[in-house]
Protein backbone atom coordinates (compact mmCIF):
# COMPACT_ATOMS: atom_id res chain seq x y z
CA MET A 1 50.66 -39.33 134.01
CA ARG A 2 49.66 -42.87 133.10
CA LEU A 3 49.71 -43.62 129.34
CA PRO A 4 46.66 -45.22 127.76
CA ARG A 5 47.13 -48.92 127.11
CA LEU A 6 47.39 -48.60 123.29
CA VAL A 7 50.06 -45.90 123.51
CA THR A 8 52.01 -47.98 126.04
CA VAL A 9 51.98 -50.99 123.71
CA ALA A 10 53.07 -48.87 120.73
CA VAL A 11 56.02 -47.38 122.64
CA ALA A 12 57.06 -50.86 123.77
CA VAL A 13 57.00 -52.17 120.19
CA LEU A 14 59.06 -49.23 118.89
CA ALA A 15 61.62 -49.75 121.63
CA THR A 16 61.85 -53.44 120.83
CA LEU A 17 62.37 -52.78 117.09
CA GLY A 18 64.79 -49.93 117.65
CA LEU A 19 62.50 -47.47 115.86
CA GLY A 20 62.28 -44.77 118.50
CA ALA A 21 62.87 -41.10 117.76
CA GLY A 22 66.43 -40.32 116.78
CA ALA A 23 67.27 -43.91 115.85
CA ALA A 24 70.27 -44.11 113.50
CA TYR A 25 70.87 -46.70 110.80
CA ALA A 26 74.45 -47.53 109.87
CA ALA A 27 75.34 -47.76 106.20
CA VAL A 28 77.11 -50.82 104.81
CA TRP A 29 80.26 -48.73 104.36
CA GLU A 30 81.41 -45.38 105.74
CA SER A 31 84.71 -43.49 105.77
CA SER A 32 86.20 -40.04 106.34
CA GLU A 33 89.53 -40.87 104.67
CA LYS A 34 90.41 -38.50 101.81
CA PHE A 35 90.72 -41.16 99.13
CA ALA A 36 88.64 -43.97 100.62
CA THR A 37 87.16 -46.43 98.10
CA TRP A 38 84.53 -49.16 98.25
CA SER A 39 83.68 -51.72 95.55
CA ASP A 40 80.22 -52.90 94.58
CA GLY A 41 80.45 -55.31 91.65
CA ASP A 42 81.67 -53.39 88.58
CA TYR A 43 81.32 -50.07 90.40
CA ILE A 44 83.70 -48.22 92.74
CA VAL A 45 82.53 -45.53 95.18
CA ARG A 46 85.19 -42.95 96.11
CA ASN A 47 85.36 -40.15 98.69
CA ASN A 48 87.96 -38.28 96.58
CA ILE A 49 88.82 -35.17 98.61
CA TRP A 50 91.48 -33.89 96.21
CA GLY A 51 91.38 -30.06 96.19
CA SER A 52 93.49 -27.65 98.22
CA GLY A 53 91.95 -26.00 101.27
CA ALA A 54 89.44 -28.80 101.75
CA GLY A 55 87.62 -29.42 105.01
CA SER A 56 86.11 -32.67 106.24
CA GLN A 57 83.91 -35.10 104.35
CA THR A 58 82.35 -38.42 105.34
CA ILE A 59 81.09 -40.80 102.69
CA TRP A 60 78.61 -43.65 103.18
CA ALA A 61 77.21 -46.30 100.84
CA ASN A 62 74.76 -49.17 100.80
CA SER A 63 75.27 -49.81 97.08
CA HIS A 64 76.50 -48.03 93.96
CA GLY A 65 73.00 -46.58 93.61
CA ASP A 66 72.49 -45.62 97.26
CA TRP A 67 75.30 -43.50 98.67
CA GLY A 68 76.13 -39.98 99.78
CA VAL A 69 78.38 -37.64 101.72
CA THR A 70 78.24 -35.08 104.48
CA ALA A 71 80.76 -32.41 103.46
CA ASP A 72 82.04 -29.40 105.40
CA HIS A 73 84.29 -27.41 103.06
CA PRO A 74 85.04 -23.70 103.56
CA ASN A 75 83.44 -20.95 101.47
CA THR A 76 86.51 -20.39 99.32
CA GLY A 77 87.13 -20.84 95.61
CA GLY A 78 88.35 -23.99 93.89
CA VAL A 79 86.95 -27.51 93.80
CA LYS A 80 87.56 -29.32 97.08
CA SER A 81 86.24 -32.80 96.32
CA TYR A 82 84.46 -34.99 93.82
CA PRO A 83 82.83 -37.90 95.68
CA HIS A 84 81.56 -40.24 93.00
CA VAL A 85 80.71 -43.69 91.73
CA GLY A 86 82.67 -44.99 88.75
CA ARG A 87 82.56 -47.87 86.29
CA THR A 88 85.12 -48.71 83.58
CA VAL A 89 83.85 -49.19 80.02
CA ASP A 90 87.15 -49.83 78.17
CA GLU A 91 85.68 -49.69 74.65
CA SER A 92 86.35 -47.44 71.68
CA VAL A 93 83.60 -44.97 70.87
CA GLY A 94 83.02 -46.71 67.54
CA ALA A 95 82.64 -50.13 69.17
CA ILE A 96 80.12 -49.05 71.81
CA ASP A 97 76.63 -50.35 71.16
CA GLY A 98 74.55 -48.56 73.75
CA LEU A 99 75.87 -46.55 76.70
CA SER A 100 73.29 -44.89 78.92
CA SER A 101 72.80 -43.93 82.54
CA GLU A 102 70.07 -43.03 85.00
CA PHE A 103 70.36 -41.10 88.24
CA ALA A 104 68.45 -39.45 91.07
CA VAL A 105 70.03 -37.19 93.68
CA THR A 106 69.22 -34.96 96.62
CA ALA A 107 71.42 -31.87 96.92
CA PRO A 108 71.36 -28.90 99.31
CA GLU A 109 70.03 -25.39 98.72
CA ALA A 110 73.26 -23.90 100.11
CA GLY A 111 76.91 -24.15 99.14
CA SER A 112 78.58 -24.22 95.73
CA TYR A 113 78.67 -27.45 93.73
CA ALA A 114 77.69 -29.29 90.57
CA THR A 115 76.12 -32.70 90.16
CA ALA A 116 78.05 -34.08 87.21
CA TYR A 117 79.26 -36.99 85.16
CA ASP A 118 83.00 -37.14 84.52
CA ILE A 119 83.95 -39.31 81.53
CA TRP A 120 87.59 -40.10 80.77
CA VAL A 121 88.72 -40.87 77.21
CA ASN A 122 92.07 -42.09 75.84
CA ASN A 123 93.69 -42.53 79.24
CA HIS A 124 92.83 -39.02 80.47
CA ASP A 125 93.67 -37.21 77.22
CA TYR A 126 90.08 -35.98 77.17
CA GLU A 127 87.63 -35.22 79.96
CA ILE A 128 83.91 -34.94 79.27
CA MET A 129 81.72 -33.44 81.97
CA LEU A 130 77.93 -33.57 81.93
CA TRP A 131 76.56 -31.04 84.42
CA MET A 132 73.06 -32.05 85.49
CA ASN A 133 72.64 -29.29 88.07
CA GLN A 134 74.75 -26.54 89.60
CA HIS A 135 74.46 -24.20 92.56
CA GLY A 136 76.47 -21.23 93.76
CA ALA A 137 79.80 -19.89 92.48
CA VAL A 138 80.79 -22.67 90.07
CA GLY A 139 81.31 -22.81 86.32
CA PRO A 140 82.82 -24.99 83.59
CA ILE A 141 86.30 -24.73 82.09
CA GLY A 142 86.63 -22.94 78.75
CA SER A 143 84.31 -20.83 76.66
CA ARG A 144 80.88 -21.72 75.34
CA VAL A 145 81.09 -22.97 71.77
CA ASP A 146 77.57 -24.25 71.12
CA THR A 147 74.11 -24.97 72.49
CA VAL A 148 72.83 -28.38 71.46
CA GLU A 149 70.16 -30.98 72.16
CA VAL A 150 71.77 -34.40 72.43
CA GLY A 151 71.58 -37.41 74.71
CA GLY A 152 68.09 -36.47 75.87
CA HIS A 153 69.01 -33.01 77.19
CA ARG A 154 69.71 -29.45 76.05
CA TRP A 155 73.21 -28.23 76.90
CA ASP A 156 75.49 -25.23 76.70
CA VAL A 157 78.74 -26.79 75.49
CA HIS A 158 82.09 -25.44 76.69
CA ARG A 159 85.54 -26.38 75.42
CA GLY A 160 88.82 -25.68 77.19
CA SER A 161 91.84 -27.15 78.96
CA ASN A 162 92.82 -27.64 82.59
CA GLY A 163 96.51 -27.70 81.67
CA SER A 164 96.67 -31.50 81.61
CA ASN A 165 93.91 -32.50 79.20
CA GLU A 166 91.17 -31.10 77.01
CA VAL A 167 87.84 -30.64 78.77
CA PHE A 168 84.43 -30.69 77.07
CA SER A 169 81.70 -29.56 79.46
CA PHE A 170 78.02 -30.05 78.67
CA VAL A 171 76.08 -27.83 81.07
CA ARG A 172 72.37 -28.56 81.15
CA THR A 173 70.37 -25.40 80.39
CA GLY A 174 67.98 -26.22 83.23
CA ASP A 175 68.84 -28.03 86.45
CA THR A 176 67.46 -31.49 87.14
CA SER A 177 67.84 -33.86 90.09
CA SER A 178 66.91 -37.03 88.19
CA GLY A 179 66.78 -38.44 84.70
CA THR A 180 68.44 -40.57 82.06
CA VAL A 181 71.34 -39.69 79.75
CA ASP A 182 72.27 -41.27 76.42
CA VAL A 183 76.03 -41.05 76.92
CA GLU A 184 76.77 -42.74 73.58
CA ALA A 185 74.91 -39.98 71.73
CA VAL A 186 77.06 -37.34 73.44
CA LEU A 187 80.25 -39.19 72.49
CA ASP A 188 79.07 -39.53 68.88
CA TRP A 189 78.34 -35.79 68.74
CA ILE A 190 81.89 -35.04 69.87
CA VAL A 191 83.28 -37.36 67.17
CA GLN A 192 81.15 -35.59 64.57
CA ARG A 193 82.70 -32.29 65.66
CA GLY A 194 86.17 -33.78 65.13
CA TRP A 195 87.30 -33.22 68.73
CA PHE A 196 88.45 -36.85 68.86
CA ASP A 197 87.87 -39.80 66.53
CA SER A 198 85.77 -42.95 66.89
CA GLY A 199 88.86 -44.97 67.81
CA ALA A 200 89.20 -43.08 71.10
CA THR A 201 88.80 -45.41 74.09
CA VAL A 202 86.25 -44.64 76.79
CA GLY A 203 87.76 -45.45 80.18
CA GLU A 204 85.88 -44.78 83.40
CA VAL A 205 82.48 -43.11 83.54
CA GLN A 206 82.01 -41.38 86.88
CA PHE A 207 79.02 -39.67 88.49
CA GLY A 208 78.92 -37.59 91.65
CA PHE A 209 79.13 -34.20 93.28
CA GLU A 210 81.87 -31.69 92.44
CA ILE A 211 81.92 -29.62 95.63
CA THR A 212 83.54 -26.20 95.94
CA SER A 213 82.04 -25.10 99.27
CA SER A 214 79.68 -26.58 101.86
CA SER A 215 80.37 -24.69 105.05
CA GLY A 216 78.65 -25.99 108.19
CA GLY A 217 78.25 -29.50 106.81
CA LEU A 218 75.86 -30.21 103.93
CA ASP A 219 74.34 -33.50 102.81
CA PHE A 220 74.52 -34.84 99.26
CA ALA A 221 72.92 -38.16 98.35
CA THR A 222 72.36 -40.42 95.35
CA SER A 223 69.23 -42.56 95.62
CA ARG A 224 69.42 -44.16 92.17
CA TYR A 225 72.27 -44.71 89.75
CA SER A 226 73.20 -47.14 86.99
CA LEU A 227 75.35 -47.26 83.86
CA SER A 228 74.26 -49.62 81.09
CA ALA A 229 76.95 -50.52 78.57
CA GLY A 230 76.12 -52.60 75.49
């Protein structure tokens, strides 16, 4: 059947521009290596497949605020990977004058995972996790010790140990896929509780997806991310 002239022209233009159905666009960087890293200014994007029994995972990035993974990890217990973006602060809590972050993610309706910040203090003596959303059979380390509104969100706060360092987990009481977080306010709250003092040094602030299972291959993506340090 002969196509009308306008349709023929449109198809020709799409073919010329490479915009036909099923066209694929390559990211600036992509890797399936377990511990692949890519730098973007002060930020580092990492694939970070560190858990036992992990499957495959491919990470891609166009910038520190535009990256994601396709992960195919089996439906078994235990964290398999934590693909993330990180930036080093290297300031004591007392010296920080403004530390905030914004994010926006797209996460699947299947699998088990958490979208979370991971903040390292005093050279990994302390780990602070900020869980923005969670899905499936996942949970924080330690027992719940408080429910508090701080940093712009309401959290159930858990305190425990992973055997190597103390872990303070702030689990948002309602899931969200985007927002801003006043990280400095969270750190100050911890100091006020006496869990560490204001001289403690904040190392790297990380943000990403802590994935336990994603059988069949699931997509996780960050469409906006920044960390502002004063």
